[in-house]
Amino acid sequence: MLDGEILAERGPLMEFPNGITAETCFVVPISAEETAKQLKTWDATPHEALKVHAFQMLHNPCEPGDFQRLSFKSNQHSIRWLLERTKESTPDKSELNLSRSEARELAGCVDKNFDPTRIASCWSKLLFARAASFQRRRLAGILPYETTGETILPVMQLRAMLGEQLQVAHEFQPILQRIGLFGSTNGAVAPVPCYYWTMFDADHHATISLGAFYELAVDDHFQMVDVEYYVSGNYYTSATLYEIWPIRIGNKSGSLVWRDDFFAAPMLRFTKGTERLAYGAIMLQEIKKEIRYFQDDMKIKQ
């Protein structure tokens, strides 16, 4: 792996109908400490192939101005799709992941004014409220999705997937317990995460997400968890777990990274067997593409 090879494997088929997992292992040519630092703030927008439209770190506490880069002024089909789904949303129904109160507020804010600037402003208010709630109350501050005919709790989706991957969950127990995602916190103080929002294409549809990136030093290595606690559509939530070990590459410091991705999406419940495996293969391709760009960017920092 010292030459950049990425070891990758689809996770086992899950009983949980919405879940899918993948596992990767790779080397980064910078120290473990620096790898952890760069993962939390890496901006993939310069890499067109990754189809990331925007990425922004948030203040703590977050500020309305943190979302001013959000824009719907584009002729790209994916962004037009999200614009149209926003226009079609009503207080009672939406294809987007919203709580009932958010659906009412979004419809009232747009109020048949379909100017892209107006819609970006309405989304910014919604995202600010979501992010502020998470910063205040952590996982307990995550609102459910309620406008697609059923109530979805993102945190329960993540816990269900971790519950089926107990070997992984136990390996990452130090950080998962601290942040309250798996097992009791036992009064331990959670590490303060880095907060961010991003807009990217998922299945050819523009998607906005809010995330929190946690880091914990464990003996001689680092554990990290990147939780997408809000996703506007196309899927429900995701968590990416990293374990980062220091290694030597010749006479220089490097790091060995083990990565586990957990992904929950509504379309997965309708797939079984070979079709589910095909989704896993596509997921792995996208993860490996992202890792390669990260490795290349880190080579510049050697």
C-alpha atoms as a PDB file:
ATOM      1  CA  MET A   1       0.000   0.000   0.000  1.00  0.00           C
ATOM      2  CA  LEU A   2       2.997   2.302   0.233  1.00  0.00           C
ATOM      3  CA  ASP A   3       2.653   3.073  -3.479  1.00  0.00           C
ATOM      4  CA  GLY A   4      -0.933   4.332  -3.030  1.00  0.00           C
ATOM      5  CA  GLU A   5      -2.892   1.078  -3.357  1.00  0.00           C
ATOM      6  CA  ILE A   6      -6.284   1.125  -1.628  1.00  0.00           C
ATOM      7  CA  LEU A   7      -7.563  -2.124  -0.148  1.00  0.00           C
ATOM      8  CA  ALA A   8     -11.351  -2.205  -0.311  1.00  0.00           C
ATOM      9  CA  GLU A   9     -14.161  -4.600   0.525  1.00  0.00           C
ATOM     10  CA  ARG A  10     -17.940  -4.420   0.553  1.00  0.00           C
ATOM     11  CA  GLY A  11     -19.517  -5.003   3.930  1.00  0.00           C
ATOM     12  CA  PRO A  12     -21.716  -8.053   4.549  1.00  0.00           C
ATOM     13  CA  LEU A  13     -25.393  -7.903   3.609  1.00  0.00           C
ATOM     14  CA  MET A  14     -27.395  -6.437   6.480  1.00  0.00           C
ATOM     15  CA  GLU A  15     -30.746  -7.353   7.981  1.00  0.00           C
ATOM     16  CA  PHE A  16     -31.409  -3.642   8.408  1.00  0.00           C
ATOM     17  CA  PRO A  17     -33.190  -2.838   5.123  1.00  0.00           C
ATOM     18  CA  ASN A  18     -31.821   0.688   4.598  1.00  0.00           C
ATOM     19  CA  GLY A  19     -28.180  -0.035   5.396  1.00  0.00           C
ATOM     20  CA  ILE A  20     -24.999  -0.715   3.486  1.00  0.00           C
ATOM     21  CA  THR A  21     -21.340  -0.660   4.559  1.00  0.00           C
ATOM     22  CA  ALA A  22     -17.871  -0.698   3.043  1.00  0.00           C
ATOM     23  CA  GLU A  23     -14.346  -0.998   4.408  1.00  0.00           C
ATOM     24  CA  THR A  24     -11.105   0.462   3.051  1.00  0.00           C
ATOM     25  CA  CYS A  25      -7.477   0.642   4.130  1.00  0.00           C
ATOM     26  CA  PHE A  26      -4.817   2.962   2.722  1.00  0.00           C
ATOM     27  CA  VAL A  27      -1.606   4.849   3.451  1.00  0.00           C
ATOM     28  CA  VAL A  28      -1.167   8.623   3.616  1.00  0.00           C
ATOM     29  CA  PRO A  29       2.373  10.090   3.306  1.00  0.00           C
ATOM     30  CA  ILE A  30       2.055  12.432   6.314  1.00  0.00           C
ATOM     31  CA  SER A  31       2.026  11.819  10.070  1.00  0.00           C
ATOM     32  CA  ALA A  32      -0.993  10.346  11.809  1.00  0.00           C
ATOM     33  CA  GLU A  33      -1.589  13.599  13.676  1.00  0.00           C
ATOM     34  CA  GLU A  34      -1.470  15.636  10.466  1.00  0.00           C
ATOM     35  CA  THR A  35      -3.708  13.122   8.639  1.00  0.00           C
ATOM     36  CA  ALA A  36      -6.353  13.509  11.352  1.00  0.00           C
ATOM     37  CA  LYS A  37      -6.113  17.283  11.106  1.00  0.00           C
ATOM     38  CA  GLN A  38      -6.395  17.304   7.309  1.00  0.00           C
ATOM     39  CA  LEU A  39      -9.329  14.875   7.191  1.00  0.00           C
ATOM     40  CA  LYS A  40     -11.427  17.218   9.326  1.00  0.00           C
ATOM     41  CA  THR A  41     -10.993  20.217   7.048  1.00  0.00           C
ATOM     42  CA  TRP A  42     -10.288  18.733   3.598  1.00  0.00           C
ATOM     43  CA  ASP A  43     -12.136  20.623   0.860  1.00  0.00           C
ATOM     44  CA  ALA A  44     -12.878  18.446  -2.183  1.00  0.00           C
ATOM     45  CA  THR A  45     -14.420  21.215  -4.302  1.00  0.00           C
ATOM     46  CA  PRO A  46     -11.293  21.679  -6.501  1.00  0.00           C
ATOM     47  CA  HIS A  47     -11.719  18.119  -7.803  1.00  0.00           C
ATOM     48  CA  GLU A  48     -14.456  18.301 -10.421  1.00  0.00           C
ATOM     49  CA  ALA A  49     -14.833  14.522 -10.635  1.00  0.00           C
ATOM     50  CA  LEU A  50     -16.058  14.401  -7.019  1.00  0.00           C
ATOM     51  CA  LYS A  51     -18.954  16.748  -7.891  1.00  0.00           C
ATOM     52  CA  VAL A  52     -18.784  18.817  -4.714  1.00  0.00           C
ATOM     53  CA  HIS A  53     -20.385  22.218  -5.309  1.00  0.00           C
ATOM     54  CA  ALA A  54     -19.554  23.828  -1.960  1.00  0.00           C
ATOM     55  CA  PHE A  55     -17.906  23.080   1.376  1.00  0.00           C
ATOM     56  CA  GLN A  56     -17.844  25.346   4.410  1.00  0.00           C
ATOM     57  CA  MET A  57     -16.666  24.945   7.988  1.00  0.00           C
ATOM     58  CA  LEU A  58     -19.014  26.344  10.638  1.00  0.00           C
ATOM     59  CA  HIS A  59     -18.300  28.499  13.642  1.00  0.00           C
ATOM     60  CA  ASN A  60     -19.107  27.159  17.101  1.00  0.00           C
ATOM     61  CA  PRO A  61     -21.678  28.460  17.789  1.00  0.00           C
ATOM     62  CA  CYS A  62     -22.650  28.695  14.140  1.00  0.00           C
ATOM     63  CA  GLU A  63     -23.651  31.995  12.549  1.00  0.00           C
ATOM     64  CA  PRO A  64     -26.171  32.802   9.780  1.00  0.00           C
ATOM     65  CA  GLY A  65     -23.261  34.053   7.672  1.00  0.00           C
ATOM     66  CA  ASP A  66     -21.763  30.548   7.646  1.00  0.00           C
ATOM     67  CA  PHE A  67     -24.324  29.644   4.957  1.00  0.00           C
ATOM     68  CA  GLN A  68     -24.024  32.656   2.687  1.00  0.00           C
ATOM     69  CA  ARG A  69     -22.078  30.656   0.058  1.00  0.00           C
ATOM     70  CA  LEU A  70     -25.112  28.445  -0.589  1.00  0.00           C
ATOM     71  CA  SER A  71     -26.312  29.158  -4.122  1.00  0.00           C
ATOM     72  CA  PHE A  72     -28.914  27.781  -6.514  1.00  0.00           C
ATOM     73  CA  LYS A  73     -27.834  30.009  -9.408  1.00  0.00           C
ATOM     74  CA  SER A  74     -26.787  27.259 -11.766  1.00  0.00           C
ATOM     75  CA  ASN A  75     -27.934  25.589 -14.963  1.00  0.00           C
ATOM     76  CA  GLN A  76     -26.579  22.241 -13.789  1.00  0.00           C
ATOM     77  CA  HIS A  77     -29.288  19.587 -13.891  1.00  0.00           C
ATOM     78  CA  SER A  78     -28.526  18.321 -10.389  1.00  0.00           C
ATOM     79  CA  ILE A  79     -28.947  21.758  -8.782  1.00  0.00           C
ATOM     80  CA  ARG A  80     -32.052  22.473 -10.837  1.00  0.00           C
ATOM     81  CA  TRP A  81     -33.483  19.216  -9.462  1.00  0.00           C
ATOM     82  CA  LEU A  82     -33.084  20.400  -5.860  1.00  0.00           C
ATOM     83  CA  LEU A  83     -34.533  23.794  -6.796  1.00  0.00           C
ATOM     84  CA  GLU A  84     -37.609  22.111  -8.312  1.00  0.00           C
ATOM     85  CA  ARG A  85     -38.105  19.795  -5.333  1.00  0.00           C
ATOM     86  CA  THR A  86     -37.967  22.849  -3.053  1.00  0.00           C
ATOM     87  CA  LYS A  87     -40.585  24.640  -5.161  1.00  0.00           C
ATOM     88  CA  GLU A  88     -42.857  21.584  -5.008  1.00  0.00           C
ATOM     89  CA  SER A  89     -42.601  21.173  -1.236  1.00  0.00           C
ATOM     90  CA  THR A  90     -45.735  21.949   0.768  1.00  0.00           C
ATOM     91  CA  PRO A  91     -46.338  22.149   4.520  1.00  0.00           C
ATOM     92  CA  ASP A  92     -47.629  18.563   4.383  1.00  0.00           C
ATOM     93  CA  LYS A  93     -45.536  16.767   1.763  1.00  0.00           C
ATOM     94  CA  SER A  94     -42.071  16.902   0.260  1.00  0.00           C
ATOM     95  CA  GLU A  95     -39.570  14.616  -1.436  1.00  0.00           C
ATOM     96  CA  LEU A  96     -36.935  16.279   0.738  1.00  0.00           C
ATOM     97  CA  ASN A  97     -35.886  15.219   4.233  1.00  0.00           C
ATOM     98  CA  LEU A  98     -37.731  17.695   6.455  1.00  0.00           C
ATOM     99  CA  SER A  99     -39.585  17.729   9.738  1.00  0.00           C
ATOM    100  CA  ARG A 100     -43.186  18.921   9.602  1.00  0.00           C
ATOM    101  CA  SER A 101     -42.231  22.250  11.155  1.00  0.00           C
ATOM    102  CA  GLU A 102     -39.401  22.701   8.649  1.00  0.00           C
ATOM    103  CA  ALA A 103     -41.738  21.914   5.744  1.00  0.00           C
ATOM    104  CA  ARG A 104     -44.125  24.617   6.953  1.00  0.00           C
ATOM    105  CA  GLU A 105     -41.336  27.124   7.454  1.00  0.00           C
ATOM    106  CA  LEU A 106     -39.717  26.374   4.080  1.00  0.00           C
ATOM    107  CA  ALA A 107     -43.013  26.656   2.179  1.00  0.00           C
ATOM    108  CA  GLY A 108     -43.875  29.871   4.028  1.00  0.00           C
ATOM    109  CA  CYS A 109     -40.445  31.342   3.369  1.00  0.00           C
ATOM    110  CA  VAL A 110     -40.475  30.544  -0.353  1.00  0.00           C
ATOM    111  CA  ASP A 111     -44.135  31.661  -0.627  1.00  0.00           C
ATOM    112  CA  LYS A 112     -44.242  31.103  -4.412  1.00  0.00           C
ATOM    113  CA  ASN A 113     -41.188  33.328  -4.881  1.00  0.00           C
ATOM    114  CA  PHE A 114     -39.044  30.950  -6.924  1.00  0.00           C
ATOM    115  CA  ASP A 115     -36.050  33.228  -7.347  1.00  0.00           C
ATOM    116  CA  PRO A 116     -32.893  31.119  -6.702  1.00  0.00           C
ATOM    117  CA  THR A 117     -31.525  33.769  -4.330  1.00  0.00           C
ATOM    118  CA  ARG A 118     -34.729  33.680  -2.296  1.00  0.00           C
ATOM    119  CA  ILE A 119     -34.689  29.874  -2.122  1.00  0.00           C
ATOM    120  CA  ALA A 120     -31.026  29.859  -1.052  1.00  0.00           C
ATOM    121  CA  SER A 121     -31.915  32.289   1.747  1.00  0.00           C
ATOM    122  CA  CYS A 122     -34.769  30.022   2.904  1.00  0.00           C
ATOM    123  CA  TRP A 123     -32.505  26.977   2.908  1.00  0.00           C
ATOM    124  CA  SER A 124     -29.829  28.908   4.799  1.00  0.00           C
ATOM    125  CA  LYS A 125     -32.305  29.651   7.598  1.00  0.00           C
ATOM    126  CA  LEU A 126     -33.312  25.988   7.792  1.00  0.00           C
ATOM    127  CA  LEU A 127     -29.711  24.762   7.855  1.00  0.00           C
ATOM    128  CA  PHE A 128     -28.696  27.341  10.457  1.00  0.00           C
ATOM    129  CA  ALA A 129     -31.523  26.194  12.747  1.00  0.00           C
ATOM    130  CA  ARG A 130     -30.568  22.512  12.276  1.00  0.00           C
ATOM    131  CA  ALA A 131     -26.876  23.167  12.930  1.00  0.00           C
ATOM    132  CA  ALA A 132     -27.557  25.339  15.989  1.00  0.00           C
ATOM    133  CA  SER A 133     -29.822  22.658  17.463  1.00  0.00           C
ATOM    134  CA  PHE A 134     -27.150  19.989  16.976  1.00  0.00           C
ATOM    135  CA  GLN A 135     -24.444  22.150  18.518  1.00  0.00           C
ATOM    136  CA  ARG A 136     -26.601  22.783  21.591  1.00  0.00           C
ATOM    137  CA  ARG A 137     -28.014  19.293  22.118  1.00  0.00           C
ATOM    138  CA  ARG A 138     -25.738  17.002  20.069  1.00  0.00           C
ATOM    139  CA  LEU A 139     -27.495  13.828  18.867  1.00  0.00           C
ATOM    140  CA  ALA A 140     -30.632  14.707  20.863  1.00  0.00           C
ATOM    141  CA  GLY A 141     -30.956  17.859  18.760  1.00  0.00           C
ATOM    142  CA  ILE A 142     -31.460  16.010  15.461  1.00  0.00           C
ATOM    143  CA  LEU A 143     -34.986  16.527  14.133  1.00  0.00           C
ATOM    144  CA  PRO A 144     -36.767  13.614  12.403  1.00  0.00           C
ATOM    145  CA  TYR A 145     -37.701  13.460   8.722  1.00  0.00           C
ATOM    146  CA  GLU A 146     -41.503  13.476   8.540  1.00  0.00           C
ATOM    147  CA  THR A 147     -42.683  14.592   5.077  1.00  0.00           C
ATOM    148  CA  THR A 148     -42.311  11.414   3.006  1.00  0.00           C
ATOM    149  CA  GLY A 149     -45.062   9.379   4.655  1.00  0.00           C
ATOM    150  CA  GLU A 150     -43.077   7.943   7.569  1.00  0.00           C
ATOM    151  CA  THR A 151     -40.980   9.212  10.447  1.00  0.00           C
ATOM    152  CA  ILE A 152     -37.231   8.642  10.054  1.00  0.00           C
ATOM    153  CA  LEU A 153     -34.746   9.268  12.878  1.00  0.00           C
ATOM    154  CA  PRO A 154     -31.225   9.551  11.404  1.00  0.00           C
ATOM    155  CA  VAL A 155     -29.493   8.607  14.644  1.00  0.00           C
ATOM    156  CA  MET A 156     -31.560   5.414  14.928  1.00  0.00           C
ATOM    157  CA  GLN A 157     -30.579   4.490  11.380  1.00  0.00           C
ATOM    158  CA  LEU A 158     -26.898   4.760  12.354  1.00  0.00           C
ATOM    159  CA  ARG A 159     -27.342   2.793  15.567  1.00  0.00           C
ATOM    160  CA  ALA A 160     -29.172   0.021  13.725  1.00  0.00           C
ATOM    161  CA  MET A 161     -26.273  -0.369  11.278  1.00  0.00           C
ATOM    162  CA  LEU A 162     -23.630  -0.312  14.015  1.00  0.00           C
ATOM    163  CA  GLY A 163     -25.661  -2.911  15.896  1.00  0.00           C
ATOM    164  CA  GLU A 164     -25.172  -5.303  12.973  1.00  0.00           C
ATOM    165  CA  GLN A 165     -21.440  -4.607  12.733  1.00  0.00           C
ATOM    166  CA  LEU A 166     -20.508  -5.306  16.335  1.00  0.00           C
ATOM    167  CA  GLN A 167     -16.858  -6.067  15.625  1.00  0.00           C
ATOM    168  CA  VAL A 168     -16.421  -2.626  14.082  1.00  0.00           C
ATOM    169  CA  ALA A 169     -18.549  -0.962  16.771  1.00  0.00           C
ATOM    170  CA  HIS A 170     -16.478  -2.525  19.555  1.00  0.00           C
ATOM    171  CA  GLU A 171     -13.208  -1.470  17.904  1.00  0.00           C
ATOM    172  CA  PHE A 172     -14.432   2.120  17.749  1.00  0.00           C
ATOM    173  CA  GLN A 173     -16.156   1.962  21.134  1.00  0.00           C
ATOM    174  CA  PRO A 174     -13.886   4.607  22.752  1.00  0.00           C
ATOM    175  CA  ILE A 175     -15.081   7.375  20.435  1.00  0.00           C
ATOM    176  CA  LEU A 176     -18.567   6.037  19.680  1.00  0.00           C
ATOM    177  CA  GLN A 177     -19.363   5.925  23.405  1.00  0.00           C
ATOM    178  CA  ARG A 178     -18.005   9.423  23.967  1.00  0.00           C
ATOM    179  CA  ILE A 179     -20.265  10.935  21.322  1.00  0.00           C
ATOM    180  CA  GLY A 180     -23.288   8.872  22.398  1.00  0.00           C
ATOM    181  CA  LEU A 181     -23.688   6.940  19.154  1.00  0.00           C
ATOM    182  CA  PHE A 182     -23.096   3.429  20.537  1.00  0.00           C
ATOM    183  CA  GLY A 183     -23.394   2.388  24.150  1.00  0.00           C
ATOM    184  CA  SER A 184     -23.610   4.529  27.260  1.00  0.00           C
ATOM    185  CA  THR A 185     -21.392   7.592  27.589  1.00  0.00           C
ATOM    186  CA  ASN A 186     -20.843   6.739  31.294  1.00  0.00           C
ATOM    187  CA  GLY A 187     -20.534  10.451  31.966  1.00  0.00           C
ATOM    188  CA  ALA A 188     -17.496  10.874  29.688  1.00  0.00           C
ATOM    189  CA  VAL A 189     -17.132  14.256  28.028  1.00  0.00           C
ATOM    190  CA  ALA A 190     -17.541  14.119  24.251  1.00  0.00           C
ATOM    191  CA  PRO A 191     -14.757  15.603  22.126  1.00  0.00           C
ATOM    192  CA  VAL A 192     -15.717  18.899  20.515  1.00  0.00           C
ATOM    193  CA  PRO A 193     -16.181  18.241  16.792  1.00  0.00           C
ATOM    194  CA  CYS A 194     -15.502  20.327  13.726  1.00  0.00           C
ATOM    195  CA  TYR A 195     -18.797  21.320  12.103  1.00  0.00           C
ATOM    196  CA  TYR A 196     -19.429  21.809   8.392  1.00  0.00           C
ATOM    197  CA  TRP A 197     -21.994  21.967   5.615  1.00  0.00           C
ATOM    198  CA  THR A 198     -21.523  20.813   2.050  1.00  0.00           C
ATOM    199  CA  MET A 199     -23.437  20.609  -1.230  1.00  0.00           C
ATOM    200  CA  PHE A 200     -22.644  17.803  -3.656  1.00  0.00           C
ATOM    201  CA  ASP A 201     -24.203  15.438  -6.179  1.00  0.00           C
ATOM    202  CA  ALA A 202     -25.653  12.131  -4.950  1.00  0.00           C
ATOM    203  CA  ASP A 203     -27.178   9.924  -7.607  1.00  0.00           C
ATOM    204  CA  HIS A 204     -27.171  12.924 -10.003  1.00  0.00           C
ATOM    205  CA  HIS A 205     -29.156  15.060  -7.545  1.00  0.00           C
ATOM    206  CA  ALA A 206     -27.739  18.047  -5.661  1.00  0.00           C
ATOM    207  CA  THR A 207     -27.732  17.251  -1.956  1.00  0.00           C
ATOM    208  CA  ILE A 208     -27.032  19.458   1.058  1.00  0.00           C
ATOM    209  CA  SER A 209     -25.696  17.935   4.245  1.00  0.00           C
ATOM    210  CA  LEU A 210     -24.665  19.043   7.704  1.00  0.00           C
ATOM    211  CA  GLY A 211     -21.901  17.115   9.430  1.00  0.00           C
ATOM    212  CA  ALA A 212     -19.760  16.856  12.536  1.00  0.00           C
ATOM    213  CA  PHE A 213     -16.235  15.418  12.571  1.00  0.00           C
ATOM    214  CA  TYR A 214     -15.031  14.011  15.902  1.00  0.00           C
ATOM    215  CA  GLU A 215     -11.458  13.078  16.863  1.00  0.00           C
ATOM    216  CA  LEU A 216     -10.115  11.137  19.846  1.00  0.00           C
ATOM    217  CA  ALA A 217      -6.535  10.136  20.660  1.00  0.00           C
ATOM    218  CA  VAL A 218      -6.460   6.487  21.797  1.00  0.00           C
ATOM    219  CA  ASP A 219      -3.050   5.342  23.051  1.00  0.00           C
ATOM    220  CA  ASP A 220      -0.680   5.735  20.086  1.00  0.00           C
ATOM    221  CA  HIS A 221      -3.294   6.294  17.366  1.00  0.00           C
ATOM    222  CA  PHE A 222      -6.399   8.305  16.528  1.00  0.00           C
ATOM    223  CA  GLN A 223     -10.059   7.434  16.086  1.00  0.00           C
ATOM    224  CA  MET A 224     -12.361   9.712  14.116  1.00  0.00           C
ATOM    225  CA  VAL A 225     -16.060   9.750  13.245  1.00  0.00           C
ATOM    226  CA  ASP A 226     -17.620  11.889  10.520  1.00  0.00           C
ATOM    227  CA  VAL A 227     -21.412  11.974  11.060  1.00  0.00           C
ATOM    228  CA  GLU A 228     -23.792  13.459   8.521  1.00  0.00           C
ATOM    229  CA  TYR A 229     -26.603  14.336  10.921  1.00  0.00           C
ATOM    230  CA  TYR A 230     -28.719  16.010   8.237  1.00  0.00           C
ATOM    231  CA  VAL A 231     -29.043  15.172   4.531  1.00  0.00           C
ATOM    232  CA  SER A 232     -31.544  17.046   2.345  1.00  0.00           C
ATOM    233  CA  GLY A 233     -32.533  14.043   0.231  1.00  0.00           C
ATOM    234  CA  ASN A 234     -31.525  10.918  -1.735  1.00  0.00           C
ATOM    235  CA  TYR A 235     -30.346   9.172   1.452  1.00  0.00           C
ATOM    236  CA  TYR A 236     -30.942   9.537   5.177  1.00  0.00           C
ATOM    237  CA  THR A 237     -27.591   9.688   6.909  1.00  0.00           C
ATOM    238  CA  SER A 238     -24.038   8.355   6.938  1.00  0.00           C
ATOM    239  CA  ALA A 239     -21.132   7.825   9.301  1.00  0.00           C
ATOM    240  CA  THR A 240     -17.510   7.349   8.322  1.00  0.00           C
ATOM    241  CA  LEU A 241     -15.181   5.861  10.938  1.00  0.00           C
ATOM    242  CA  TYR A 242     -11.405   6.219  10.748  1.00  0.00           C
ATOM    243  CA  GLU A 243      -8.615   4.604  12.726  1.00  0.00           C
ATOM    244  CA  ILE A 244      -5.254   6.228  11.994  1.00  0.00           C
ATOM    245  CA  TRP A 245      -1.966   4.597  12.964  1.00  0.00           C
ATOM    246  CA  PRO A 246       1.525   6.119  12.735  1.00  0.00           C
ATOM    247  CA  ILE A 247       3.972   4.302  10.434  1.00  0.00           C
ATOM    248  CA  ARG A 248       7.336   4.987   8.831  1.00  0.00           C
ATOM    249  CA  ILE A 249       7.724   5.375   5.070  1.00  0.00           C
ATOM    250  CA  GLY A 250      11.457   5.176   4.584  1.00  0.00           C
ATOM    251  CA  ASN A 251      12.843   7.884   6.850  1.00  0.00           C
ATOM    252  CA  LYS A 252       9.603   9.900   6.911  1.00  0.00           C
ATOM    253  CA  SER A 253       6.420   9.782   8.975  1.00  0.00           C
ATOM    254  CA  GLY A 254       3.301   8.327   7.420  1.00  0.00           C
ATOM    255  CA  SER A 255      -0.047   6.957   8.507  1.00  0.00           C
ATOM    256  CA  LEU A 256      -2.060   3.806   7.950  1.00  0.00           C
ATOM    257  CA  VAL A 257      -5.787   4.518   7.757  1.00  0.00           C
ATOM    258  CA  TRP A 258      -8.577   2.013   8.277  1.00  0.00           C
ATOM    259  CA  ARG A 259     -11.921   3.441   7.144  1.00  0.00           C
ATOM    260  CA  ASP A 260     -15.455   2.077   7.605  1.00  0.00           C
ATOM    261  CA  ASP A 261     -18.432   3.707   5.858  1.00  0.00           C
ATOM    262  CA  PHE A 262     -22.038   3.275   6.992  1.00  0.00           C
ATOM    263  CA  PHE A 263     -24.725   4.562   4.661  1.00  0.00           C
ATOM    264  CA  ALA A 264     -28.541   4.511   5.060  1.00  0.00           C
ATOM    265  CA  ALA A 265     -30.823   5.165   2.086  1.00  0.00           C
ATOM    266  CA  PRO A 266     -34.503   4.491   1.334  1.00  0.00           C
ATOM    267  CA  MET A 267     -33.883   2.871  -2.051  1.00  0.00           C
ATOM    268  CA  LEU A 268     -31.855   0.082  -0.428  1.00  0.00           C
ATOM    269  CA  ARG A 269     -34.919  -1.488   1.181  1.00  0.00           C
ATOM    270  CA  PHE A 270     -36.103  -2.456  -2.301  1.00  0.00           C
ATOM    271  CA  THR A 271     -32.860  -4.232  -3.220  1.00  0.00           C
ATOM    272  CA  LYS A 272     -31.764  -7.751  -2.372  1.00  0.00           C
ATOM    273  CA  GLY A 273     -28.930 -10.135  -3.168  1.00  0.00           C
ATOM    274  CA  THR A 274     -27.087  -9.293  -6.374  1.00  0.00           C
ATOM    275  CA  GLU A 275     -28.655  -5.839  -6.705  1.00  0.00           C
ATOM    276  CA  ARG A 276     -27.618  -4.913  -3.170  1.00  0.00           C
ATOM    277  CA  LEU A 277     -24.078  -6.111  -3.927  1.00  0.00           C
ATOM    278  CA  ALA A 278     -24.078  -3.931  -7.044  1.00  0.00           C
ATOM    279  CA  TYR A 279     -24.924  -0.879  -4.930  1.00  0.00           C
ATOM    280  CA  GLY A 280     -22.023  -1.820  -2.661  1.00  0.00           C
ATOM    281  CA  ALA A 281     -19.645  -1.998  -5.626  1.00  0.00           C
ATOM    282  CA  ILE A 282     -20.692   1.456  -6.813  1.00  0.00           C
ATOM    283  CA  MET A 283     -20.288   2.815  -3.296  1.00  0.00           C
ATOM    284  CA  LEU A 284     -16.755   1.403  -3.109  1.00  0.00           C
ATOM    285  CA  GLN A 285     -15.805   3.001  -6.431  1.00  0.00           C
ATOM    286  CA  GLU A 286     -16.885   6.424  -5.182  1.00  0.00           C
ATOM    287  CA  ILE A 287     -15.095   5.996  -1.845  1.00  0.00           C
ATOM    288  CA  LYS A 288     -11.861   4.927  -3.551  1.00  0.00           C
ATOM    289  CA  LYS A 289     -12.075   7.892  -5.919  1.00  0.00           C
ATOM    290  CA  GLU A 290     -12.392  10.253  -2.954  1.00  0.00           C
ATOM    291  CA  ILE A 291      -9.487   8.588  -1.116  1.00  0.00           C
ATOM    292  CA  ARG A 292      -7.200   8.866  -4.158  1.00  0.00           C
ATOM    293  CA  TYR A 293      -7.787  12.605  -4.395  1.00  0.00           C
ATOM    294  CA  PHE A 294      -7.131  12.968  -0.669  1.00  0.00           C
ATOM    295  CA  GLN A 295      -3.887  10.999  -0.983  1.00  0.00           C
ATOM    296  CA  ASP A 296      -2.788  13.145  -3.929  1.00  0.00           C
ATOM    297  CA  ASP A 297      -3.517  16.369  -2.035  1.00  0.00           C
ATOM    298  CA  MET A 298      -1.561  15.120   0.975  1.00  0.00           C
ATOM    299  CA  LYS A 299       1.475  14.314  -1.188  1.00  0.00           C
ATOM    300  CA  ILE A 300       1.778  18.034  -1.840  1.00  0.00           C
ATOM    301  CA  LYS A 301       1.967  18.642   1.925  1.00  0.00           C
ATOM    302  CA  GLN A 302       4.928  16.300   2.491  1.00  0.00           C
END
